[in-house]
Amino acid sequence: MKRIIGVRFRSAGKIYFFDPLNFEVKRNDHVIVETARGIEYGTVVGDIREVDDSEVTQPLKPVLRVATKKDDEQEQKNKEKEKDAFKICLEKIHARGLEMKLIDAEYTFDNNKILFYFTADGRIDFRELVKDLAGVFRTRIELRQIGVRDETKIRGGIGVCGRPVCCNTYLSDFIPVSIKMAKEQNLSLNPTKISGVCGRLMCCLKHEEETYEDLNRRLPGVGDYVTTPDGLKGEVQSVNVLRQLVKVIVDVDGDKEIQEYKAEDIKFKRRHRKEKQLTKEEMKELAKLEKQDKTKGLDED
């Protein structure tokens, strides 16, 4: 068995695992560790736990030390320097006339490298920009092109639900989202209504997919013919997935009426549900939303 702790280097970032050695660390403590990018200052996201050796990716790097007050002050200074670095890089980009959008600047804890994150529509030749920045900061410079989802993860925002976006608060990794999930939840396939702040399909479609799949299995489809508890036969006019209620058009004494029943009280044979037909414009927009980013993510090296 191996003792490990999980460490994050940015809010809602990917969790990396380290060997705590003999240090007694707990959730929310700060530690200094060595990563592929250099010496980093991270936050512990859980207590020490033991896992089987086969579950650990070797070699497991050790914690160098628990962060001291001096380390905390150094991290705060780095955050202040990042603001200045961002402004300088922005000026250099404008001076070079590069079509790129600067998103964030980040110092490694030991100041051995500065990373600049940006978005752009295509590939950007930033070699001259790197030279300009290296001349100013006198340290290693890395420019990393990221996708629009990562941009939202860094900057944050408020979703259509009125709450801070998931990726900026707790979602460590982005999850695949598809149009099928929106159809399963009977949502409008209007791209503006099912895309998030980033312009991509909303992550919450994935969060609720399993629940909707389970609930939909217990319901007939709109247009299906069912038998009601009182023996009447009728056509399904609408369904309420969350409340598990079905509105049925039935014939009562020669008159058509709409009556509501609990899904568990009616009998039906499920037909194959027809796919909603999309316009060419909708298909183009949805294809863009489903297209995966080909740029590096924030936590990839």
C-alpha atoms as a PDB file:
ATOM      1  CA  MET A   1       0.000   0.000   0.000  1.00  0.00           C
ATOM      2  CA  LYS A   2       1.089   3.554  -0.757  1.00  0.00           C
ATOM      3  CA  ARG A   3       0.237   6.763   1.123  1.00  0.00           C
ATOM      4  CA  ILE A   4      -0.841   9.609  -1.177  1.00  0.00           C
ATOM      5  CA  ILE A   5      -2.367  13.077  -1.097  1.00  0.00           C
ATOM      6  CA  GLY A   6      -4.152  14.979  -3.861  1.00  0.00           C
ATOM      7  CA  VAL A   7      -2.934  18.479  -4.740  1.00  0.00           C
ATOM      8  CA  ARG A   8      -4.410  21.220  -6.934  1.00  0.00           C
ATOM      9  CA  PHE A   9      -2.497  24.162  -8.393  1.00  0.00           C
ATOM     10  CA  ARG A  10      -5.440  26.321  -9.451  1.00  0.00           C
ATOM     11  CA  SER A  11      -9.114  26.666  -8.568  1.00  0.00           C
ATOM     12  CA  ALA A  12     -11.055  23.601  -9.812  1.00  0.00           C
ATOM     13  CA  GLY A  13      -7.883  22.393 -11.543  1.00  0.00           C
ATOM     14  CA  LYS A  14      -6.825  18.832 -12.160  1.00  0.00           C
ATOM     15  CA  ILE A  15      -5.815  16.861  -9.069  1.00  0.00           C
ATOM     16  CA  TYR A  16      -2.263  15.449  -8.976  1.00  0.00           C
ATOM     17  CA  PHE A  17      -1.045  12.889  -6.459  1.00  0.00           C
ATOM     18  CA  PHE A  18       2.130  13.050  -4.369  1.00  0.00           C
ATOM     19  CA  ASP A  19       3.877  11.093  -1.630  1.00  0.00           C
ATOM     20  CA  PRO A  20       3.388  12.976   1.682  1.00  0.00           C
ATOM     21  CA  LEU A  21       6.455  11.257   3.205  1.00  0.00           C
ATOM     22  CA  ASN A  22       6.410  11.901   6.964  1.00  0.00           C
ATOM     23  CA  PHE A  23       4.641  15.256   6.718  1.00  0.00           C
ATOM     24  CA  GLU A  24       1.308  15.479   8.505  1.00  0.00           C
ATOM     25  CA  VAL A  25      -0.873  17.353   6.041  1.00  0.00           C
ATOM     26  CA  LYS A  26      -4.633  17.700   5.818  1.00  0.00           C
ATOM     27  CA  ARG A  27      -7.248  19.194   3.516  1.00  0.00           C
ATOM     28  CA  ASN A  28      -6.676  22.871   2.576  1.00  0.00           C
ATOM     29  CA  ASP A  29      -3.035  22.853   3.725  1.00  0.00           C
ATOM     30  CA  HIS A  30      -0.517  24.341   1.273  1.00  0.00           C
ATOM     31  CA  VAL A  31       2.508  22.330   0.141  1.00  0.00           C
ATOM     32  CA  ILE A  32       5.574  22.814  -2.057  1.00  0.00           C
ATOM     33  CA  VAL A  33       6.074  20.071  -4.649  1.00  0.00           C
ATOM     34  CA  GLU A  34       8.109  19.429  -7.777  1.00  0.00           C
ATOM     35  CA  THR A  35       6.231  19.000 -11.074  1.00  0.00           C
ATOM     36  CA  ALA A  36       7.149  18.760 -14.751  1.00  0.00           C
ATOM     37  CA  ARG A  37       6.943  22.568 -14.873  1.00  0.00           C
ATOM     38  CA  GLY A  38       9.213  23.093 -11.875  1.00  0.00           C
ATOM     39  CA  ILE A  39       8.694  23.838  -8.190  1.00  0.00           C
ATOM     40  CA  GLU A  40       5.021  24.590  -7.514  1.00  0.00           C
ATOM     41  CA  TYR A  41       2.817  25.810  -4.660  1.00  0.00           C
ATOM     42  CA  GLY A  42      -0.340  23.734  -4.329  1.00  0.00           C
ATOM     43  CA  THR A  43      -3.384  23.170  -2.125  1.00  0.00           C
ATOM     44  CA  VAL A  44      -4.147  19.778  -0.575  1.00  0.00           C
ATOM     45  CA  VAL A  45      -7.673  18.663  -1.521  1.00  0.00           C
ATOM     46  CA  GLY A  46      -8.038  15.682   0.800  1.00  0.00           C
ATOM     47  CA  ASP A  47      -6.549  13.912   3.772  1.00  0.00           C
ATOM     48  CA  ILE A  48      -3.767  11.338   3.410  1.00  0.00           C
ATOM     49  CA  ARG A  49      -5.079   7.980   2.207  1.00  0.00           C
ATOM     50  CA  GLU A  50      -3.677   4.609   1.302  1.00  0.00           C
ATOM     51  CA  VAL A  51      -4.090   2.989  -2.114  1.00  0.00           C
ATOM     52  CA  ASP A  52      -2.773  -0.148  -3.746  1.00  0.00           C
ATOM     53  CA  ASP A  53       0.610   0.223  -5.466  1.00  0.00           C
ATOM     54  CA  SER A  54      -0.976  -0.778  -8.804  1.00  0.00           C
ATOM     55  CA  GLU A  55      -3.243   2.296  -8.678  1.00  0.00           C
ATOM     56  CA  VAL A  56      -0.322   4.720  -8.464  1.00  0.00           C
ATOM     57  CA  THR A  57       1.406   6.131 -11.539  1.00  0.00           C
ATOM     58  CA  GLN A  58       5.120   5.745 -10.940  1.00  0.00           C
ATOM     59  CA  PRO A  59       7.306   7.483 -10.083  1.00  0.00           C
ATOM     60  CA  LEU A  60       5.269   9.198  -7.367  1.00  0.00           C
ATOM     61  CA  LYS A  61       7.012  12.456  -6.531  1.00  0.00           C
ATOM     62  CA  PRO A  62       7.320  13.447  -2.855  1.00  0.00           C
ATOM     63  CA  VAL A  63       6.124  16.579  -1.111  1.00  0.00           C
ATOM     64  CA  LEU A  64       9.167  18.836  -0.639  1.00  0.00           C
ATOM     65  CA  ARG A  65       7.752  20.628   2.393  1.00  0.00           C
ATOM     66  CA  VAL A  66       4.648  22.045   3.971  1.00  0.00           C
ATOM     67  CA  ALA A  67       4.359  25.675   2.878  1.00  0.00           C
ATOM     68  CA  THR A  68       5.795  28.155   5.373  1.00  0.00           C
ATOM     69  CA  LYS A  69       4.722  31.740   5.967  1.00  0.00           C
ATOM     70  CA  LYS A  70       7.573  32.812   3.677  1.00  0.00           C
ATOM     71  CA  ASP A  71       6.235  30.509   0.945  1.00  0.00           C
ATOM     72  CA  ASP A  72       2.757  32.003   1.341  1.00  0.00           C
ATOM     73  CA  GLU A  73       4.230  35.487   0.941  1.00  0.00           C
ATOM     74  CA  GLN A  74       6.174  34.372  -2.144  1.00  0.00           C
ATOM     75  CA  GLU A  75       3.005  32.993  -3.721  1.00  0.00           C
ATOM     76  CA  GLN A  76       1.200  36.269  -3.055  1.00  0.00           C
ATOM     77  CA  LYS A  77       4.064  38.228  -4.657  1.00  0.00           C
ATOM     78  CA  ASN A  78       3.861  35.944  -7.706  1.00  0.00           C
ATOM     79  CA  LYS A  79       0.143  36.713  -8.043  1.00  0.00           C
ATOM     80  CA  GLU A  80       0.931  40.430  -8.070  1.00  0.00           C
ATOM     81  CA  LYS A  81       3.716  39.943 -10.635  1.00  0.00           C
ATOM     82  CA  GLU A  82       1.339  37.980 -12.854  1.00  0.00           C
ATOM     83  CA  LYS A  83      -0.874  41.070 -13.212  1.00  0.00           C
ATOM     84  CA  ASP A  84       2.089  43.120 -14.450  1.00  0.00           C
ATOM     85  CA  ALA A  85       3.221  40.313 -16.763  1.00  0.00           C
ATOM     86  CA  PHE A  86      -0.276  40.133 -18.244  1.00  0.00           C
ATOM     87  CA  LYS A  87      -0.279  43.869 -19.040  1.00  0.00           C
ATOM     88  CA  ILE A  88       3.180  43.748 -20.619  1.00  0.00           C
ATOM     89  CA  CYS A  89       2.314  40.731 -22.763  1.00  0.00           C
ATOM     90  CA  LEU A  90      -0.906  42.419 -23.896  1.00  0.00           C
ATOM     91  CA  GLU A  91       1.073  45.466 -25.015  1.00  0.00           C
ATOM     92  CA  LYS A  92       3.542  43.289 -26.944  1.00  0.00           C
ATOM     93  CA  ILE A  93       0.699  41.432 -28.668  1.00  0.00           C
ATOM     94  CA  HIS A  94      -0.875  44.707 -29.807  1.00  0.00           C
ATOM     95  CA  ALA A  95       2.495  46.024 -30.941  1.00  0.00           C
ATOM     96  CA  ARG A  96       3.029  42.904 -33.069  1.00  0.00           C
ATOM     97  CA  GLY A  97      -0.550  43.005 -34.379  1.00  0.00           C
ATOM     98  CA  LEU A  98      -1.134  39.360 -33.523  1.00  0.00           C
ATOM     99  CA  GLU A  99      -4.705  38.036 -33.737  1.00  0.00           C
ATOM    100  CA  MET A 100      -4.755  36.319 -30.376  1.00  0.00           C
ATOM    101  CA  LYS A 101      -6.685  36.882 -27.155  1.00  0.00           C
ATOM    102  CA  LEU A 102      -4.578  36.804 -24.004  1.00  0.00           C
ATOM    103  CA  ILE A 103      -6.399  34.993 -21.181  1.00  0.00           C
ATOM    104  CA  ASP A 104      -4.008  34.636 -18.261  1.00  0.00           C
ATOM    105  CA  ALA A 105      -0.395  34.848 -17.106  1.00  0.00           C
ATOM    106  CA  GLU A 106       1.063  32.429 -14.578  1.00  0.00           C
ATOM    107  CA  TYR A 107       4.430  32.285 -12.809  1.00  0.00           C
ATOM    108  CA  THR A 108       5.817  28.996 -11.541  1.00  0.00           C
ATOM    109  CA  PHE A 109       6.525  29.220  -7.804  1.00  0.00           C
ATOM    110  CA  ASP A 110      10.299  29.365  -8.284  1.00  0.00           C
ATOM    111  CA  ASN A 111       9.945  32.034 -11.029  1.00  0.00           C
ATOM    112  CA  ASN A 112      11.757  29.693 -13.410  1.00  0.00           C
ATOM    113  CA  LYS A 113       9.069  30.080 -16.069  1.00  0.00           C
ATOM    114  CA  ILE A 114       6.149  32.312 -17.031  1.00  0.00           C
ATOM    115  CA  LEU A 115       3.212  30.761 -18.873  1.00  0.00           C
ATOM    116  CA  PHE A 116       0.866  32.870 -20.979  1.00  0.00           C
ATOM    117  CA  TYR A 117      -2.473  31.330 -21.973  1.00  0.00           C
ATOM    118  CA  PHE A 118      -4.292  32.600 -25.065  1.00  0.00           C
ATOM    119  CA  THR A 119      -7.061  31.717 -27.504  1.00  0.00           C
ATOM    120  CA  ALA A 120      -7.011  32.202 -31.278  1.00  0.00           C
ATOM    121  CA  ASP A 121      -9.025  31.050 -34.282  1.00  0.00           C
ATOM    122  CA  GLY A 122      -6.050  29.304 -35.875  1.00  0.00           C
ATOM    123  CA  ARG A 123      -2.327  28.728 -35.496  1.00  0.00           C
ATOM    124  CA  ILE A 124      -0.304  31.776 -34.451  1.00  0.00           C
ATOM    125  CA  ASP A 125       3.377  32.386 -35.160  1.00  0.00           C
ATOM    126  CA  PHE A 126       4.436  33.876 -31.821  1.00  0.00           C
ATOM    127  CA  ARG A 127       8.198  33.267 -32.030  1.00  0.00           C
ATOM    128  CA  GLU A 128       9.012  36.990 -32.163  1.00  0.00           C
ATOM    129  CA  LEU A 129       6.620  37.631 -29.292  1.00  0.00           C
ATOM    130  CA  VAL A 130       8.460  35.061 -27.168  1.00  0.00           C
ATOM    131  CA  LYS A 131      11.742  36.846 -27.879  1.00  0.00           C
ATOM    132  CA  ASP A 132      10.195  40.172 -26.854  1.00  0.00           C
ATOM    133  CA  LEU A 133       8.904  38.717 -23.588  1.00  0.00           C
ATOM    134  CA  ALA A 134      12.168  36.895 -22.813  1.00  0.00           C
ATOM    135  CA  GLY A 135      13.999  40.179 -23.235  1.00  0.00           C
ATOM    136  CA  VAL A 136      11.741  41.836 -20.665  1.00  0.00           C
ATOM    137  CA  PHE A 137      11.420  39.093 -18.029  1.00  0.00           C
ATOM    138  CA  ARG A 138      14.819  37.370 -18.419  1.00  0.00           C
ATOM    139  CA  THR A 139      13.346  33.926 -17.752  1.00  0.00           C
ATOM    140  CA  ARG A 140      11.798  31.021 -19.671  1.00  0.00           C
ATOM    141  CA  ILE A 141       8.637  31.936 -21.546  1.00  0.00           C
ATOM    142  CA  GLU A 142       5.896  29.543 -22.644  1.00  0.00           C
ATOM    143  CA  LEU A 143       2.841  30.558 -24.666  1.00  0.00           C
ATOM    144  CA  ARG A 144       0.040  27.997 -24.637  1.00  0.00           C
ATOM    145  CA  GLN A 145      -3.009  28.095 -26.893  1.00  0.00           C
ATOM    146  CA  ILE A 146      -6.110  26.856 -25.095  1.00  0.00           C
ATOM    147  CA  GLY A 147      -9.754  26.334 -26.028  1.00  0.00           C
ATOM    148  CA  VAL A 148     -12.827  28.399 -25.185  1.00  0.00           C
ATOM    149  CA  ARG A 149     -13.801  25.979 -22.411  1.00  0.00           C
ATOM    150  CA  ASP A 150     -10.473  26.533 -20.685  1.00  0.00           C
ATOM    151  CA  GLU A 151     -10.948  30.290 -21.071  1.00  0.00           C
ATOM    152  CA  THR A 152     -14.215  30.085 -19.135  1.00  0.00           C
ATOM    153  CA  LYS A 153     -12.589  27.804 -16.549  1.00  0.00           C
ATOM    154  CA  ILE A 154      -9.987  30.505 -15.863  1.00  0.00           C
ATOM    155  CA  ARG A 155     -12.215  33.558 -15.973  1.00  0.00           C
ATOM    156  CA  GLY A 156     -15.401  32.099 -14.531  1.00  0.00           C
ATOM    157  CA  GLY A 157     -18.884  33.498 -15.076  1.00  0.00           C
ATOM    158  CA  ILE A 158     -22.551  32.987 -14.280  1.00  0.00           C
ATOM    159  CA  GLY A 159     -24.460  30.228 -16.063  1.00  0.00           C
ATOM    160  CA  VAL A 160     -28.080  30.339 -17.254  1.00  0.00           C
ATOM    161  CA  CYS A 161     -29.021  28.710 -13.927  1.00  0.00           C
ATOM    162  CA  GLY A 162     -27.868  31.836 -12.109  1.00  0.00           C
ATOM    163  CA  ARG A 163     -24.977  30.065 -10.377  1.00  0.00           C
ATOM    164  CA  PRO A 164     -21.199  30.280 -11.004  1.00  0.00           C
ATOM    165  CA  VAL A 165     -20.167  27.992 -13.866  1.00  0.00           C
ATOM    166  CA  CYS A 166     -19.267  24.413 -12.863  1.00  0.00           C
ATOM    167  CA  CYS A 167     -15.849  24.376 -14.545  1.00  0.00           C
ATOM    168  CA  ASN A 168     -14.646  27.324 -12.474  1.00  0.00           C
ATOM    169  CA  THR A 169     -15.955  26.042  -9.135  1.00  0.00           C
ATOM    170  CA  TYR A 170     -15.545  22.264  -8.875  1.00  0.00           C
ATOM    171  CA  LEU A 171     -15.286  20.486 -12.254  1.00  0.00           C
ATOM    172  CA  SER A 172     -11.706  19.183 -12.494  1.00  0.00           C
ATOM    173  CA  ASP A 173     -11.922  17.681 -15.989  1.00  0.00           C
ATOM    174  CA  PHE A 174     -14.124  18.495 -18.949  1.00  0.00           C
ATOM    175  CA  ILE A 175     -16.547  15.743 -19.896  1.00  0.00           C
ATOM    176  CA  PRO A 176     -17.779  14.813 -23.399  1.00  0.00           C
ATOM    177  CA  VAL A 177     -21.203  16.330 -24.131  1.00  0.00           C
ATOM    178  CA  SER A 178     -23.408  15.496 -27.129  1.00  0.00           C
ATOM    179  CA  ILE A 179     -26.653  16.587 -28.780  1.00  0.00           C
ATOM    180  CA  LYS A 180     -28.152  13.187 -27.877  1.00  0.00           C
ATOM    181  CA  MET A 181     -28.134  14.288 -24.234  1.00  0.00           C
ATOM    182  CA  ALA A 182     -30.180  17.396 -25.060  1.00  0.00           C
ATOM    183  CA  LYS A 183     -32.678  15.270 -26.993  1.00  0.00           C
ATOM    184  CA  GLU A 184     -32.971  12.809 -24.098  1.00  0.00           C
ATOM    185  CA  GLN A 185     -33.884  15.728 -21.818  1.00  0.00           C
ATOM    186  CA  ASN A 186     -36.431  17.040 -24.337  1.00  0.00           C
ATOM    187  CA  LEU A 187     -34.672  20.398 -24.591  1.00  0.00           C
ATOM    188  CA  SER A 188     -34.956  22.860 -27.431  1.00  0.00           C
ATOM    189  CA  LEU A 189     -32.202  22.157 -29.948  1.00  0.00           C
ATOM    190  CA  ASN A 190     -31.630  25.851 -30.452  1.00  0.00           C
ATOM    191  CA  PRO A 191     -27.826  26.225 -30.027  1.00  0.00           C
ATOM    192  CA  THR A 192     -28.207  29.452 -28.065  1.00  0.00           C
ATOM    193  CA  LYS A 193     -30.331  27.674 -25.450  1.00  0.00           C
ATOM    194  CA  ILE A 194     -28.172  24.598 -24.871  1.00  0.00           C
ATOM    195  CA  SER A 195     -24.726  26.194 -24.978  1.00  0.00           C
ATOM    196  CA  GLY A 196     -22.952  27.601 -21.957  1.00  0.00           C
ATOM    197  CA  VAL A 197     -20.957  30.765 -21.311  1.00  0.00           C
ATOM    198  CA  CYS A 198     -18.093  29.288 -23.360  1.00  0.00           C
ATOM    199  CA  GLY A 199     -20.330  28.807 -26.414  1.00  0.00           C
ATOM    200  CA  ARG A 200     -20.050  25.008 -26.210  1.00  0.00           C
ATOM    201  CA  LEU A 201     -22.712  22.525 -25.139  1.00  0.00           C
ATOM    202  CA  MET A 202     -23.478  22.941 -21.437  1.00  0.00           C
ATOM    203  CA  CYS A 203     -21.637  20.527 -19.131  1.00  0.00           C
ATOM    204  CA  CYS A 204     -24.782  20.080 -17.022  1.00  0.00           C
ATOM    205  CA  LEU A 205     -26.325  18.099 -19.906  1.00  0.00           C
ATOM    206  CA  LYS A 206     -23.923  15.317 -18.942  1.00  0.00           C
ATOM    207  CA  HIS A 207     -24.605  15.662 -15.211  1.00  0.00           C
ATOM    208  CA  GLU A 208     -28.333  15.032 -15.688  1.00  0.00           C
ATOM    209  CA  GLU A 209     -28.137  12.480 -18.520  1.00  0.00           C
ATOM    210  CA  GLU A 210     -28.267   9.343 -16.359  1.00  0.00           C
ATOM    211  CA  THR A 211     -31.293  10.578 -14.399  1.00  0.00           C
ATOM    212  CA  TYR A 212     -33.242  11.461 -17.538  1.00  0.00           C
ATOM    213  CA  GLU A 213     -32.392   8.145 -19.218  1.00  0.00           C
ATOM    214  CA  ASP A 214     -33.763   6.280 -16.201  1.00  0.00           C
ATOM    215  CA  LEU A 215     -36.924   8.416 -16.000  1.00  0.00           C
ATOM    216  CA  ASN A 216     -37.590   8.237 -19.752  1.00  0.00           C
ATOM    217  CA  ARG A 217     -37.539   4.430 -19.667  1.00  0.00           C
ATOM    218  CA  ARG A 218     -40.686   4.543 -17.538  1.00  0.00           C
ATOM    219  CA  LEU A 219     -42.576   6.893 -19.875  1.00  0.00           C
ATOM    220  CA  PRO A 220     -44.324   6.466 -23.225  1.00  0.00           C
ATOM    221  CA  GLY A 221     -43.373   8.814 -26.055  1.00  0.00           C
ATOM    222  CA  VAL A 222     -45.561  11.630 -27.344  1.00  0.00           C
ATOM    223  CA  GLY A 223     -47.889  10.114 -29.947  1.00  0.00           C
ATOM    224  CA  ASP A 224     -47.822   6.640 -28.387  1.00  0.00           C
ATOM    225  CA  TYR A 225     -51.147   4.911 -27.660  1.00  0.00           C
ATOM    226  CA  VAL A 226     -51.735   3.843 -24.065  1.00  0.00           C
ATOM    227  CA  THR A 227     -54.359   2.224 -21.871  1.00  0.00           C
ATOM    228  CA  THR A 228     -55.470   4.246 -18.856  1.00  0.00           C
ATOM    229  CA  PRO A 229     -56.310   2.762 -15.406  1.00  0.00           C
ATOM    230  CA  ASP A 230     -60.049   3.033 -16.173  1.00  0.00           C
ATOM    231  CA  GLY A 231     -59.683   1.033 -19.395  1.00  0.00           C
ATOM    232  CA  LEU A 232     -59.743   3.924 -21.853  1.00  0.00           C
ATOM    233  CA  LYS A 233     -57.354   3.996 -24.804  1.00  0.00           C
ATOM    234  CA  GLY A 234     -55.822   7.223 -25.988  1.00  0.00           C
ATOM    235  CA  GLU A 235     -52.894   9.043 -27.536  1.00  0.00           C
ATOM    236  CA  VAL A 236     -50.175  10.634 -25.423  1.00  0.00           C
ATOM    237  CA  GLN A 237     -50.325  14.416 -25.769  1.00  0.00           C
ATOM    238  CA  SER A 238     -47.383  15.320 -23.509  1.00  0.00           C
ATOM    239  CA  VAL A 239     -45.218  13.944 -20.703  1.00  0.00           C
ATOM    240  CA  ASN A 240     -43.708  15.512 -17.588  1.00  0.00           C
ATOM    241  CA  VAL A 241     -40.442  13.634 -17.147  1.00  0.00           C
ATOM    242  CA  LEU A 242     -39.506  14.849 -13.666  1.00  0.00           C
ATOM    243  CA  ARG A 243     -42.979  14.431 -12.167  1.00  0.00           C
ATOM    244  CA  GLN A 244     -43.600  11.213 -14.123  1.00  0.00           C
ATOM    245  CA  LEU A 245     -47.000  12.418 -15.338  1.00  0.00           C
ATOM    246  CA  VAL A 246     -48.600  11.702 -18.721  1.00  0.00           C
ATOM    247  CA  LYS A 247     -51.355  13.679 -20.448  1.00  0.00           C
ATOM    248  CA  VAL A 248     -53.518  11.480 -22.656  1.00  0.00           C
ATOM    249  CA  ILE A 249     -56.187  12.398 -25.235  1.00  0.00           C
ATOM    250  CA  VAL A 250     -59.095  10.028 -24.512  1.00  0.00           C
ATOM    251  CA  ASP A 251     -62.611   9.622 -25.900  1.00  0.00           C
ATOM    252  CA  VAL A 252     -65.227  10.118 -23.188  1.00  0.00           C
ATOM    253  CA  ASP A 253     -68.833   9.723 -24.355  1.00  0.00           C
ATOM    254  CA  GLY A 254     -67.901  10.814 -27.864  1.00  0.00           C
ATOM    255  CA  ASP A 255     -65.919  13.864 -26.735  1.00  0.00           C
ATOM    256  CA  LYS A 256     -62.135  14.231 -26.815  1.00  0.00           C
ATOM    257  CA  GLU A 257     -60.651  15.105 -23.433  1.00  0.00           C
ATOM    258  CA  ILE A 258     -57.139  15.500 -22.090  1.00  0.00           C
ATOM    259  CA  GLN A 259     -56.618  13.693 -18.819  1.00  0.00           C
ATOM    260  CA  GLU A 260     -53.465  13.362 -16.723  1.00  0.00           C
ATOM    261  CA  TYR A 261     -52.225  10.092 -15.200  1.00  0.00           C
ATOM    262  CA  LYS A 262     -49.251   8.839 -13.261  1.00  0.00           C
ATOM    263  CA  ALA A 263     -46.854   6.948 -15.529  1.00  0.00           C
ATOM    264  CA  GLU A 264     -46.945   3.905 -13.260  1.00  0.00           C
ATOM    265  CA  ASP A 265     -50.730   3.633 -13.663  1.00  0.00           C
ATOM    266  CA  ILE A 266     -50.913   3.378 -17.448  1.00  0.00           C
ATOM    267  CA  LYS A 267     -50.065   0.515 -19.787  1.00  0.00           C
ATOM    268  CA  PHE A 268     -48.204   1.060 -23.022  1.00  0.00           C
ATOM    269  CA  LYS A 269     -45.925  -0.522 -25.580  1.00  0.00           C
ATOM    270  CA  ARG A 270     -43.005   1.739 -26.292  1.00  0.00           C
ATOM    271  CA  ARG A 271     -42.519   2.693 -29.916  1.00  0.00           C
ATOM    272  CA  HIS A 272     -39.257   3.780 -31.465  1.00  0.00           C
ATOM    273  CA  ARG A 273     -39.070   7.513 -30.867  1.00  0.00           C
ATOM    274  CA  LYS A 274     -38.617   9.567 -34.000  1.00  0.00           C
ATOM    275  CA  GLU A 275     -35.655  11.901 -34.084  1.00  0.00           C
ATOM    276  CA  LYS A 276     -36.459  15.566 -34.318  1.00  0.00           C
ATOM    277  CA  GLN A 277     -35.694  16.948 -37.757  1.00  0.00           C
ATOM    278  CA  LEU A 278     -33.233  19.833 -37.791  1.00  0.00           C
ATOM    279  CA  THR A 279     -32.793  22.633 -40.269  1.00  0.00           C
ATOM    280  CA  LYS A 280     -29.505  22.905 -42.167  1.00  0.00           C
ATOM    281  CA  GLU A 281     -28.573  25.979 -40.113  1.00  0.00           C
ATOM    282  CA  GLU A 282     -29.228  24.118 -36.836  1.00  0.00           C
ATOM    283  CA  MET A 283     -27.191  21.139 -38.013  1.00  0.00           C
ATOM    284  CA  LYS A 284     -24.226  23.397 -38.852  1.00  0.00           C
ATOM    285  CA  GLU A 285     -24.387  25.194 -35.514  1.00  0.00           C
ATOM    286  CA  LEU A 286     -24.746  21.969 -33.531  1.00  0.00           C
ATOM    287  CA  ALA A 287     -21.845  20.392 -35.413  1.00  0.00           C
ATOM    288  CA  LYS A 288     -19.665  23.301 -34.296  1.00  0.00           C
ATOM    289  CA  LEU A 289     -20.761  22.844 -30.689  1.00  0.00           C
ATOM    290  CA  GLU A 290     -19.983  19.119 -30.713  1.00  0.00           C
ATOM    291  CA  LYS A 291     -16.540  19.591 -32.278  1.00  0.00           C
ATOM    292  CA  GLN A 292     -13.857  18.864 -29.694  1.00  0.00           C
ATOM    293  CA  ASP A 293     -11.018  21.299 -28.937  1.00  0.00           C
ATOM    294  CA  LYS A 294      -7.700  20.254 -30.462  1.00  0.00           C
ATOM    295  CA  THR A 295      -5.660  22.655 -28.318  1.00  0.00           C
ATOM    296  CA  LYS A 296      -3.840  21.738 -25.126  1.00  0.00           C
ATOM    297  CA  GLY A 297      -5.761  21.989 -21.896  1.00  0.00           C
ATOM    298  CA  LEU A 298      -4.677  23.971 -18.841  1.00  0.00           C
ATOM    299  CA  ASP A 299      -3.289  20.972 -16.986  1.00  0.00           C
ATOM    300  CA  GLU A 300      -1.625  19.141 -19.870  1.00  0.00           C
ATOM    301  CA  ASP A 301       2.116  19.175 -20.455  1.00  0.00           C
END
